[in-house]
C-alpha atoms as a PDB file:
ATOM      1  CA  MET A   1      20.385 -25.563   4.647  1.00  0.00           C
ATOM      2  CA  ARG A   2      17.244 -26.357   7.057  1.00  0.00           C
ATOM      3  CA  LEU A   3      13.719 -26.933   6.518  1.00  0.00           C
ATOM      4  CA  HIS A   4      11.533 -24.009   7.753  1.00  0.00           C
ATOM      5  CA  SER A   5       8.118 -24.784   6.425  1.00  0.00           C
ATOM      6  CA  LEU A   6       6.378 -27.097   3.844  1.00  0.00           C
ATOM      7  CA  ALA A   7       2.755 -26.447   2.530  1.00  0.00           C
ATOM      8  CA  VAL A   8       0.990 -28.838   0.205  1.00  0.00           C
ATOM      9  CA  GLU A   9      -2.470 -28.581  -1.545  1.00  0.00           C
ATOM     10  CA  GLN A  10      -4.234 -31.293  -3.530  1.00  0.00           C
ATOM     11  CA  PHE A  11      -1.007 -33.245  -3.209  1.00  0.00           C
ATOM     12  CA  ARG A  12      -1.656 -37.048  -3.008  1.00  0.00           C
ATOM     13  CA  ASN A  13      -3.942 -37.711  -0.048  1.00  0.00           C
ATOM     14  CA  PHE A  14      -3.753 -33.939   1.392  1.00  0.00           C
ATOM     15  CA  PRO A  15      -6.393 -31.479   0.418  1.00  0.00           C
ATOM     16  CA  ALA A  16      -4.219 -28.924   2.388  1.00  0.00           C
ATOM     17  CA  LYS A  17      -1.495 -29.416   4.922  1.00  0.00           C
ATOM     18  CA  GLN A  18       1.022 -26.949   6.304  1.00  0.00           C
ATOM     19  CA  LEU A  19       3.993 -27.936   8.572  1.00  0.00           C
ATOM     20  CA  SER A  20       6.455 -25.552  10.367  1.00  0.00           C
ATOM     21  CA  PHE A  21       9.729 -26.852  11.539  1.00  0.00           C
ATOM     22  CA  GLU A  22      11.796 -25.584  14.553  1.00  0.00           C
ATOM     23  CA  ALA A  23      14.489 -23.259  13.241  1.00  0.00           C
ATOM     24  CA  ASP A  24      17.299 -24.712  15.521  1.00  0.00           C
ATOM     25  CA  ALA A  25      16.347 -28.445  14.937  1.00  0.00           C
ATOM     26  CA  ARG A  26      19.281 -30.609  13.757  1.00  0.00           C
ATOM     27  CA  GLY A  27      16.822 -33.011  12.260  1.00  0.00           C
ATOM     28  CA  VAL A  28      13.166 -33.719  11.423  1.00  0.00           C
ATOM     29  CA  LEU A  29      11.060 -36.701  12.639  1.00  0.00           C
ATOM     30  CA  ILE A  30       7.841 -37.296  10.718  1.00  0.00           C
ATOM     31  CA  CYS A  31       5.806 -40.159  12.608  1.00  0.00           C
ATOM     32  CA  GLY A  32       2.355 -41.489  12.548  1.00  0.00           C
ATOM     33  CA  THR A  33       0.025 -44.474  11.833  1.00  0.00           C
ATOM     34  CA  ASN A  34       0.290 -46.234   8.462  1.00  0.00           C
ATOM     35  CA  GLY A  35      -1.636 -44.504   5.483  1.00  0.00           C
ATOM     36  CA  ILE A  36      -1.804 -40.951   6.798  1.00  0.00           C
ATOM     37  CA  GLY A  37       0.795 -39.578   4.296  1.00  0.00           C
ATOM     38  CA  LYS A  38       4.189 -39.571   5.948  1.00  0.00           C
ATOM     39  CA  THR A  39       5.852 -40.700   2.739  1.00  0.00           C
ATOM     40  CA  ASN A  40       3.736 -38.288   0.592  1.00  0.00           C
ATOM     41  CA  LEU A  41       5.051 -35.380   2.709  1.00  0.00           C
ATOM     42  CA  LEU A  42       8.761 -36.758   1.905  1.00  0.00           C
ATOM     43  CA  GLU A  43       7.837 -36.888  -1.713  1.00  0.00           C
ATOM     44  CA  ALA A  44       6.699 -33.476  -1.813  1.00  0.00           C
ATOM     45  CA  ILE A  45      10.101 -32.395  -0.343  1.00  0.00           C
ATOM     46  CA  HIS A  46      11.917 -34.632  -2.680  1.00  0.00           C
ATOM     47  CA  PHE A  47       9.860 -33.358  -5.696  1.00  0.00           C
ATOM     48  CA  LEU A  48      10.530 -29.750  -4.836  1.00  0.00           C
ATOM     49  CA  LEU A  49      14.422 -30.259  -4.495  1.00  0.00           C
ATOM     50  CA  LYS A  50      15.047 -32.791  -7.090  1.00  0.00           C
ATOM     51  CA  GLY A  51      12.615 -31.537  -9.778  1.00  0.00           C
ATOM     52  CA  ARG A  52      11.008 -34.843 -10.137  1.00  0.00           C
ATOM     53  CA  THR A  53       8.991 -37.440  -7.957  1.00  0.00           C
ATOM     54  CA  HIS A  54      10.592 -40.785  -7.115  1.00  0.00           C
ATOM     55  CA  ARG A  55       7.440 -42.760  -7.421  1.00  0.00           C
ATOM     56  CA  THR A  56       6.313 -42.154 -11.012  1.00  0.00           C
ATOM     57  CA  LEU A  57       7.303 -40.938 -14.291  1.00  0.00           C
ATOM     58  CA  ARG A  58       4.316 -38.700 -14.796  1.00  0.00           C
ATOM     59  CA  SER A  59       4.419 -35.463 -12.559  1.00  0.00           C
ATOM     60  CA  ARG A  60       0.646 -35.296 -12.778  1.00  0.00           C
ATOM     61  CA  ASP A  61       0.217 -38.384 -10.678  1.00  0.00           C
ATOM     62  CA  VAL A  62       0.754 -36.527  -7.632  1.00  0.00           C
ATOM     63  CA  ILE A  63      -2.685 -34.583  -8.045  1.00  0.00           C
ATOM     64  CA  ARG A  64      -5.202 -35.744  -5.534  1.00  0.00           C
ATOM     65  CA  HIS A  65      -7.796 -37.789  -7.166  1.00  0.00           C
ATOM     66  CA  GLY A  66     -10.505 -35.579  -8.679  1.00  0.00           C
ATOM     67  CA  GLU A  67      -8.624 -32.314  -8.597  1.00  0.00           C
ATOM     68  CA  GLY A  68      -7.294 -30.261 -11.471  1.00  0.00           C
ATOM     69  CA  GLN A  69      -3.909 -29.214 -10.191  1.00  0.00           C
ATOM     70  CA  ALA A  70      -1.653 -29.883  -7.131  1.00  0.00           C
ATOM     71  CA  SER A  71       0.871 -27.618  -5.409  1.00  0.00           C
ATOM     72  CA  ALA A  72       3.667 -27.697  -2.911  1.00  0.00           C
ATOM     73  CA  ALA A  73       5.899 -24.896  -1.218  1.00  0.00           C
ATOM     74  CA  LEU A  74       9.006 -25.350   0.721  1.00  0.00           C
ATOM     75  CA  THR A  75      10.818 -22.685   2.742  1.00  0.00           C
ATOM     76  CA  LEU A  76      14.476 -23.320   3.382  1.00  0.00           C
ATOM     77  CA  VAL A  77      16.924 -21.217   5.555  1.00  0.00           C
ATOM     78  CA  SER A  78      20.637 -21.302   5.006  1.00  0.00           C
ATOM     79  CA  ASP A  79      23.348 -21.387   7.649  1.00  0.00           C
ATOM     80  CA  HIS A  80      23.690 -17.603   6.987  1.00  0.00           C
ATOM     81  CA  GLN A  81      19.888 -17.055   7.650  1.00  0.00           C
ATOM     82  CA  LEU A  82      19.081 -16.510   3.914  1.00  0.00           C
ATOM     83  CA  THR A  83      15.450 -17.739   3.104  1.00  0.00           C
ATOM     84  CA  HIS A  84      14.882 -19.510  -0.131  1.00  0.00           C
ATOM     85  CA  GLN A  85      11.440 -20.586  -1.278  1.00  0.00           C
ATOM     86  CA  LEU A  86      10.661 -23.261  -3.882  1.00  0.00           C
ATOM     87  CA  VAL A  87       7.102 -23.531  -5.096  1.00  0.00           C
ATOM     88  CA  LEU A  88       5.660 -26.199  -7.505  1.00  0.00           C
ATOM     89  CA  ARG A  89       2.509 -26.384  -9.428  1.00  0.00           C
ATOM     90  CA  ILE A  90       1.410 -29.346 -11.446  1.00  0.00           C
ATOM     91  CA  ARG A  91      -1.774 -29.187 -13.612  1.00  0.00           C
ATOM     92  CA  LYS A  92      -3.804 -32.160 -14.842  1.00  0.00           C
ATOM     93  CA  SER A  93      -2.591 -31.583 -18.465  1.00  0.00           C
ATOM     94  CA  GLY A  94       0.784 -32.296 -17.189  1.00  0.00           C
ATOM     95  CA  LYS A  95       2.197 -28.626 -17.146  1.00  0.00           C
ATOM     96  CA  LYS A  96       4.501 -28.036 -14.414  1.00  0.00           C
ATOM     97  CA  GLU A  97       5.507 -24.662 -12.971  1.00  0.00           C
ATOM     98  CA  HIS A  98       8.505 -24.734 -10.681  1.00  0.00           C
ATOM     99  CA  LYS A  99       9.922 -21.622  -8.999  1.00  0.00           C
ATOM    100  CA  LEU A 100      12.793 -20.723  -6.757  1.00  0.00           C
ATOM    101  CA  ASP A 101      12.423 -17.313  -5.127  1.00  0.00           C
ATOM    102  CA  GLU A 102       9.809 -16.428  -7.650  1.00  0.00           C
ATOM    103  CA  LYS A 103      12.038 -17.123 -10.722  1.00  0.00           C
ATOM    104  CA  ALA A 104      11.927 -20.270 -12.899  1.00  0.00           C
ATOM    105  CA  VAL A 105      13.930 -23.073 -11.475  1.00  0.00           C
ATOM    106  CA  PRO A 106      17.373 -23.462 -12.836  1.00  0.00           C
ATOM    107  CA  PRO A 107      18.328 -26.789 -14.589  1.00  0.00           C
ATOM    108  CA  ARG A 108      17.935 -30.055 -12.466  1.00  0.00           C
ATOM    109  CA  ALA A 109      21.858 -30.497 -12.378  1.00  0.00           C
ATOM    110  CA  GLN A 110      22.110 -26.872 -10.766  1.00  0.00           C
ATOM    111  CA  LEU A 111      19.057 -27.344  -8.532  1.00  0.00           C
ATOM    112  CA  VAL A 112      20.486 -30.638  -7.062  1.00  0.00           C
ATOM    113  CA  ARG A 113      24.010 -29.032  -6.437  1.00  0.00           C
ATOM    114  CA  ARG A 114      22.425 -25.948  -4.836  1.00  0.00           C
ATOM    115  CA  PHE A 115      20.174 -27.920  -2.505  1.00  0.00           C
ATOM    116  CA  PRO A 116      21.833 -31.274  -1.892  1.00  0.00           C
ATOM    117  CA  LEU A 117      19.416 -34.204  -0.865  1.00  0.00           C
ATOM    118  CA  VAL A 118      20.061 -37.868  -0.575  1.00  0.00           C
ATOM    119  CA  SER A 119      16.823 -39.574  -0.216  1.00  0.00           C
ATOM    120  CA  PHE A 120      16.270 -43.357   0.547  1.00  0.00           C
ATOM    121  CA  PHE A 121      12.785 -44.763  -0.013  1.00  0.00           C
ATOM    122  CA  PRO A 122      11.514 -48.153   0.827  1.00  0.00           C
ATOM    123  CA  ALA A 123      11.656 -49.110  -2.812  1.00  0.00           C
ATOM    124  CA  ASP A 124      15.218 -48.510  -2.813  1.00  0.00           C
ATOM    125  CA  LEU A 125      15.893 -51.632  -0.746  1.00  0.00           C
ATOM    126  CA  GLN A 126      15.288 -53.567  -3.970  1.00  0.00           C
ATOM    127  CA  SER A 127      18.593 -52.127  -5.206  1.00  0.00           C
ATOM    128  CA  LEU A 128      20.574 -54.153  -2.570  1.00  0.00           C
ATOM    129  CA  TYR A 129      19.585 -57.544  -3.680  1.00  0.00           C
ATOM    130  CA  GLY A 130      18.310 -56.791  -7.370  1.00  0.00           C
ATOM    131  CA  ASN A 131      19.710 -55.670 -10.594  1.00  0.00           C
ATOM    132  CA  PRO A 132      23.308 -54.042 -10.449  1.00  0.00           C
ATOM    133  CA  VAL A 133      21.782 -51.193 -12.634  1.00  0.00           C
ATOM    134  CA  LEU A 134      19.571 -50.224  -9.647  1.00  0.00           C
ATOM    135  CA  ARG A 135      22.477 -50.076  -7.310  1.00  0.00           C
ATOM    136  CA  ARG A 136      24.392 -47.803  -9.703  1.00  0.00           C
ATOM    137  CA  ASP A 137      21.386 -45.559 -10.081  1.00  0.00           C
ATOM    138  CA  LEU A 138      21.133 -45.274  -6.334  1.00  0.00           C
ATOM    139  CA  LEU A 139      24.680 -44.468  -5.889  1.00  0.00           C
ATOM    140  CA  ASP A 140      24.705 -42.075  -8.889  1.00  0.00           C
ATOM    141  CA  GLY A 141      21.850 -40.161  -7.255  1.00  0.00           C
ATOM    142  CA  ALA A 142      23.642 -39.901  -3.973  1.00  0.00           C
ATOM    143  CA  MET A 143      26.802 -38.800  -5.507  1.00  0.00           C
ATOM    144  CA  ALA A 144      25.236 -36.249  -7.607  1.00  0.00           C
ATOM    145  CA  VAL A 145      25.636 -33.746  -4.726  1.00  0.00           C
ATOM    146  CA  VAL A 146      29.354 -33.823  -5.100  1.00  0.00           C
ATOM    147  CA  ASP A 147      30.406 -30.789  -7.188  1.00  0.00           C
ATOM    148  CA  GLN A 148      32.409 -32.596 -10.014  1.00  0.00           C
ATOM    149  CA  TYR A 149      30.658 -35.904 -10.000  1.00  0.00           C
ATOM    150  CA  VAL A 150      27.738 -34.951 -12.626  1.00  0.00           C
ATOM    151  CA  HIS A 151      30.285 -33.719 -15.001  1.00  0.00           C
ATOM    152  CA  THR A 152      32.617 -36.635 -14.564  1.00  0.00           C
ATOM    153  CA  TRP A 153      29.492 -39.020 -14.833  1.00  0.00           C
ATOM    154  CA  LYS A 154      28.232 -37.495 -17.978  1.00  0.00           C
ATOM    155  CA  ARG A 155      31.803 -37.813 -19.538  1.00  0.00           C
ATOM    156  CA  TYR A 156      31.989 -41.400 -18.434  1.00  0.00           C
ATOM    157  CA  GLN A 157      28.644 -42.189 -20.017  1.00  0.00           C
ATOM    158  CA  SER A 158      29.765 -40.606 -23.438  1.00  0.00           C
ATOM    159  CA  VAL A 159      33.167 -42.570 -23.375  1.00  0.00           C
ATOM    160  CA  LEU A 160      31.319 -45.822 -22.455  1.00  0.00           C
ATOM    161  CA  LYS A 161      28.697 -45.281 -25.420  1.00  0.00           C
ATOM    162  CA  ALA A 162      31.625 -44.606 -27.754  1.00  0.00           C
ATOM    163  CA  ARG A 163      33.515 -47.735 -26.526  1.00  0.00           C
ATOM    164  CA  ASN A 164      30.420 -49.862 -26.917  1.00  0.00           C
ATOM    165  CA  ALA A 165      29.892 -48.607 -30.572  1.00  0.00           C
ATOM    166  CA  LEU A 166      33.622 -49.483 -31.562  1.00  0.00           C
ATOM    167  CA  LEU A 167      33.259 -52.844 -30.014  1.00  0.00           C
ATOM    168  CA  LYS A 168      30.123 -53.506 -31.976  1.00  0.00           C
ATOM    169  CA  GLN A 169      31.847 -52.192 -35.125  1.00  0.00           C
ATOM    170  CA  ASP A 170      34.863 -54.276 -34.612  1.00  0.00           C
ATOM    171  CA  THR A 171      32.712 -57.493 -33.940  1.00  0.00           C
ATOM    172  CA  ALA A 172      30.754 -56.855 -37.232  1.00  0.00           C
ATOM    173  CA  GLN A 173      33.972 -56.632 -38.938  1.00  0.00           C
ATOM    174  CA  GLN A 174      35.398 -59.941 -37.556  1.00  0.00           C
ATOM    175  CA  ALA A 175      32.071 -61.687 -38.336  1.00  0.00           C
ATOM    176  CA  ALA A 176      32.310 -60.349 -41.964  1.00  0.00           C
ATOM    177  CA  GLU A 177      36.033 -61.785 -42.351  1.00  0.00           C
ATOM    178  CA  LEU A 178      35.154 -65.108 -40.837  1.00  0.00           C
ATOM    179  CA  LEU A 179      32.327 -65.450 -43.482  1.00  0.00           C
ATOM    180  CA  GLU A 180      34.762 -64.681 -46.414  1.00  0.00           C
END
């Protein structure tokens, strides 16, 4: 899958911006001086492909200051020359409209499998030296593009939760026996 074009309106610092990418490019290089919005463009791509932003919990935070809504559109071309368009509109009220080829976007897990994207942002560097939970989250996000990983991960989380509940129950019983 290759990027063909990206358009954003009222997204972060951009009133309006359109980019086109070369059809046969093996990669895309976005460069410029500090503060012009390189990370904001990457955030728009990430948001469109993952269904959420990596910077904030509230989607409406991507709306340019003083505006009522933001939008982003991404056109992708597959290796078989099939074209797909993802469109995202976010209103100040928090309402989000996310479409793929003019239809409602499928659940996030399906979106991630259909358009695999592994992103690494400067804040992710904290995961190398910080809390192990951050490292696991980073690796889980990267592995989510592997077909069976999401299903296996959900099953693991369920088993882990059940195990922890049993351990707590067993510990409570042992404490009660000691008090008798």
